[in-house]
Amino acid sequence: MRNAALRSVLRVTKALSDGQRVRILMMLRGGELCVCRIVEVLGLAASTVSKHLSLLSEADLVDVRKDGRWAYYRL
């Protein structure tokens, strides 16, 4: 059990160790956003934003909802 808890804490701290990922979390405080909107606001490549969102999702800091070809993220 202790190892699982440690891995969980490490995933969260890794997710929060990048300023862009913290910016994404701050953006999501206002509600659900499409990945395309996050890309637009941050001015980063879609692949970079996707990687950031993947790390945030692995840390259970965000939820994703898919609607057709679009993905929407929320806290």
N, C-alpha and C. Protein backbone atom coordinates (compact mmCIF):
# COMPACT_ATOMS: atom_id res chain seq x y z
N MET A 1 0.82 -1.19 0.00
CA MET A 1 0.00 0.00 0.00
C MET A 1 0.87 1.26 0.00
N ARG A 2 1.94 1.24 0.76
CA ARG A 2 2.79 2.42 0.83
C ARG A 2 3.43 2.74 -0.52
N ASN A 3 3.78 1.71 -1.28
CA ASN A 3 4.38 1.93 -2.60
C ASN A 3 3.38 2.58 -3.54
N ALA A 4 2.12 2.15 -3.49
CA ALA A 4 1.09 2.72 -4.35
C ALA A 4 0.86 4.19 -4.00
N ALA A 5 0.85 4.49 -2.72
CA ALA A 5 0.66 5.88 -2.28
C ALA A 5 1.83 6.74 -2.72
N LEU A 6 3.03 6.21 -2.62
CA LEU A 6 4.22 6.94 -3.04
C LEU A 6 4.19 7.21 -4.54
N ARG A 7 3.82 6.20 -5.33
CA ARG A 7 3.73 6.39 -6.78
C ARG A 7 2.69 7.45 -7.13
N SER A 8 1.59 7.45 -6.42
CA SER A 8 0.55 8.45 -6.65
C SER A 8 1.06 9.86 -6.36
N VAL A 9 1.75 10.03 -5.27
CA VAL A 9 2.32 11.34 -4.92
C VAL A 9 3.35 11.77 -5.95
N LEU A 10 4.16 10.84 -6.41
CA LEU A 10 5.17 11.17 -7.42
C LEU A 10 4.53 11.59 -8.75
N ARG A 11 3.42 10.93 -9.14
CA ARG A 11 2.72 11.32 -10.37
C ARG A 11 2.19 12.74 -10.25
N VAL A 12 1.62 13.07 -9.09
CA VAL A 12 1.07 14.41 -8.89
C VAL A 12 2.19 15.46 -8.87
N THR A 13 3.26 15.20 -8.17
CA THR A 13 4.34 16.19 -8.11
C THR A 13 5.00 16.36 -9.48
N LYS A 14 5.11 15.29 -10.25
CA LYS A 14 5.65 15.41 -11.61
C LYS A 14 4.72 16.27 -12.46
N ALA A 15 3.43 16.03 -12.34
CA ALA A 15 2.45 16.80 -13.12
C ALA A 15 2.50 18.28 -12.77
N LEU A 16 2.73 18.60 -11.51
CA LEU A 16 2.74 19.99 -11.06
C LEU A 16 4.10 20.66 -11.19
N SER A 17 5.10 19.92 -11.67
CA SER A 17 6.45 20.47 -11.73
C SER A 17 6.71 21.31 -12.98
N ASP A 18 5.73 21.45 -13.83
CA ASP A 18 5.89 22.21 -15.06
C ASP A 18 4.92 23.39 -15.08
N GLY A 19 5.43 24.56 -15.38
CA GLY A 19 4.61 25.77 -15.38
C GLY A 19 3.45 25.73 -16.36
N GLN A 20 3.67 25.12 -17.53
CA GLN A 20 2.58 25.04 -18.52
C GLN A 20 1.44 24.17 -18.02
N ARG A 21 1.78 23.07 -17.32
CA ARG A 21 0.72 22.21 -16.78
C ARG A 21 -0.05 22.93 -15.68
N VAL A 22 0.64 23.72 -14.88
CA VAL A 22 -0.05 24.51 -13.84
C VAL A 22 -0.95 25.55 -14.52
N ARG A 23 -0.48 26.15 -15.60
CA ARG A 23 -1.32 27.10 -16.36
C ARG A 23 -2.58 26.43 -16.88
N ILE A 24 -2.44 25.19 -17.37
CA ILE A 24 -3.61 24.46 -17.85
C ILE A 24 -4.61 24.25 -16.72
N LEU A 25 -4.11 23.85 -15.56
CA LEU A 25 -5.00 23.66 -14.41
C LEU A 25 -5.70 24.96 -14.04
N MET A 26 -4.98 26.06 -14.08
CA MET A 26 -5.58 27.36 -13.77
C MET A 26 -6.67 27.70 -14.79
N MET A 27 -6.43 27.41 -16.06
CA MET A 27 -7.43 27.65 -17.09
C MET A 27 -8.69 26.83 -16.85
N LEU A 28 -8.51 25.59 -16.40
CA LEU A 28 -9.64 24.69 -16.21
C LEU A 28 -10.47 25.03 -14.96
N ARG A 29 -9.96 25.93 -14.13
CA ARG A 29 -10.76 26.36 -12.97
C ARG A 29 -12.07 27.00 -13.42
N GLY A 30 -12.07 27.59 -14.62
CA GLY A 30 -13.27 28.24 -15.14
C GLY A 30 -14.26 27.27 -15.76
N GLY A 31 -13.90 26.01 -15.87
CA GLY A 31 -14.79 25.01 -16.44
C GLY A 31 -14.11 24.22 -17.54
N GLU A 32 -14.87 23.36 -18.14
CA GLU A 32 -14.39 22.46 -19.18
C GLU A 32 -13.91 23.23 -20.41
N LEU A 33 -12.79 22.76 -20.99
CA LEU A 33 -12.24 23.38 -22.20
C LEU A 33 -11.86 22.31 -23.22
N CYS A 34 -12.04 22.66 -24.48
CA CYS A 34 -11.60 21.82 -25.59
C CYS A 34 -10.07 21.94 -25.71
N VAL A 35 -9.44 20.87 -26.13
CA VAL A 35 -7.99 20.90 -26.33
C VAL A 35 -7.61 22.02 -27.29
N CYS A 36 -8.42 22.24 -28.31
CA CYS A 36 -8.09 23.28 -29.29
C CYS A 36 -8.02 24.65 -28.64
N ARG A 37 -8.85 24.91 -27.66
CA ARG A 37 -8.83 26.20 -26.94
C ARG A 37 -7.57 26.32 -26.09
N ILE A 38 -7.17 25.23 -25.44
CA ILE A 38 -5.95 25.23 -24.62
C ILE A 38 -4.74 25.49 -25.50
N VAL A 39 -4.69 24.85 -26.67
CA VAL A 39 -3.60 25.05 -27.63
C VAL A 39 -3.55 26.52 -28.04
N GLU A 40 -4.71 27.08 -28.33
CA GLU A 40 -4.80 28.49 -28.77
C GLU A 40 -4.29 29.45 -27.70
N VAL A 41 -4.72 29.25 -26.47
CA VAL A 41 -4.34 30.16 -25.39
C VAL A 41 -2.86 30.05 -25.06
N LEU A 42 -2.35 28.83 -24.98
CA LEU A 42 -0.95 28.63 -24.60
C LEU A 42 0.02 28.91 -25.75
N GLY A 43 -0.46 28.81 -26.98
CA GLY A 43 0.42 29.03 -28.12
C GLY A 43 1.46 27.93 -28.29
N LEU A 44 1.10 26.73 -27.87
CA LEU A 44 1.99 25.58 -27.99
C LEU A 44 1.48 24.64 -29.07
N ALA A 45 2.34 23.75 -29.52
CA ALA A 45 1.94 22.72 -30.49
C ALA A 45 0.91 21.79 -29.84
N ALA A 46 -0.01 21.31 -30.65
CA ALA A 46 -1.04 20.39 -30.15
C ALA A 46 -0.42 19.16 -29.50
N SER A 47 0.66 18.66 -30.07
CA SER A 47 1.31 17.47 -29.49
C SER A 47 1.89 17.76 -28.10
N THR A 48 2.40 18.96 -27.90
CA THR A 48 2.94 19.35 -26.60
C THR A 48 1.82 19.45 -25.57
N VAL A 49 0.72 20.09 -25.95
CA VAL A 49 -0.43 20.22 -25.05
C VAL A 49 -0.99 18.84 -24.73
N SER A 50 -1.04 17.97 -25.72
CA SER A 50 -1.53 16.61 -25.52
C SER A 50 -0.69 15.87 -24.49
N LYS A 51 0.62 16.02 -24.56
CA LYS A 51 1.52 15.37 -23.59
C LYS A 51 1.28 15.93 -22.19
N HIS A 52 1.14 17.25 -22.07
CA HIS A 52 0.85 17.86 -20.77
C HIS A 52 -0.46 17.33 -20.21
N LEU A 53 -1.48 17.25 -21.04
CA LEU A 53 -2.79 16.77 -20.58
C LEU A 53 -2.74 15.30 -20.19
N SER A 54 -1.94 14.53 -20.90
CA SER A 54 -1.78 13.12 -20.57
C SER A 54 -1.17 12.96 -19.18
N LEU A 55 -0.15 13.74 -18.87
CA LEU A 55 0.48 13.68 -17.54
C LEU A 55 -0.49 14.12 -16.45
N LEU A 56 -1.27 15.16 -16.73
CA LEU A 56 -2.26 15.62 -15.75
C LEU A 56 -3.34 14.57 -15.53
N SER A 57 -3.72 13.89 -16.59
CA SER A 57 -4.73 12.83 -16.50
C SER A 57 -4.20 11.63 -15.72
N GLU A 58 -2.95 11.24 -15.99
CA GLU A 58 -2.33 10.12 -15.26
C GLU A 58 -2.25 10.40 -13.77
N ALA A 59 -2.13 11.67 -13.41
CA ALA A 59 -2.06 12.06 -11.99
C ALA A 59 -3.45 12.26 -11.40
N ASP A 60 -4.49 11.97 -12.19
CA ASP A 60 -5.89 12.13 -11.76
C ASP A 60 -6.22 13.56 -11.38
N LEU A 61 -5.58 14.52 -12.04
CA LEU A 61 -5.87 15.93 -11.77
C LEU A 61 -6.91 16.49 -12.73
N VAL A 62 -7.10 15.82 -13.87
CA VAL A 62 -8.12 16.24 -14.83
C VAL A 62 -8.89 15.03 -15.34
N ASP A 63 -10.10 15.29 -15.81
CA ASP A 63 -10.93 14.27 -16.46
C ASP A 63 -11.08 14.67 -17.92
N VAL A 64 -11.26 13.69 -18.77
CA VAL A 64 -11.44 13.96 -20.20
C VAL A 64 -12.78 13.39 -20.65
N ARG A 65 -13.41 14.13 -21.56
CA ARG A 65 -14.66 13.69 -22.19
C ARG A 65 -14.46 13.84 -23.68
N LYS A 66 -14.72 12.76 -24.42
CA LYS A 66 -14.57 12.83 -25.87
C LYS A 66 -15.95 12.97 -26.51
N ASP A 67 -16.00 13.85 -27.50
CA ASP A 67 -17.22 14.09 -28.25
C ASP A 67 -16.84 14.11 -29.73
N GLY A 68 -17.03 12.99 -30.39
CA GLY A 68 -16.58 12.87 -31.77
C GLY A 68 -15.06 12.92 -31.82
N ARG A 69 -14.54 13.83 -32.62
CA ARG A 69 -13.07 13.94 -32.70
C ARG A 69 -12.50 14.94 -31.71
N TRP A 70 -13.32 15.55 -30.90
CA TRP A 70 -12.87 16.57 -29.95
C TRP A 70 -12.75 15.97 -28.55
N ALA A 71 -11.77 16.47 -27.80
CA ALA A 71 -11.58 16.07 -26.40
C ALA A 71 -11.73 17.31 -25.53
N TYR A 72 -12.48 17.15 -24.46
CA TYR A 72 -12.74 18.25 -23.52
C TYR A 72 -12.21 17.84 -22.15
N TYR A 73 -11.49 18.75 -21.51
CA TYR A 73 -10.90 18.48 -20.21
C TYR A 73 -11.53 19.36 -19.14
N ARG A 74 -11.60 18.80 -17.93
CA ARG A 74 -12.11 19.54 -16.77
C ARG A 74 -11.40 19.03 -15.52
N LEU A 75 -11.46 19.86 -14.48
CA LEU A 75 -10.84 19.45 -13.21
C LEU A 75 -11.66 18.33 -12.58
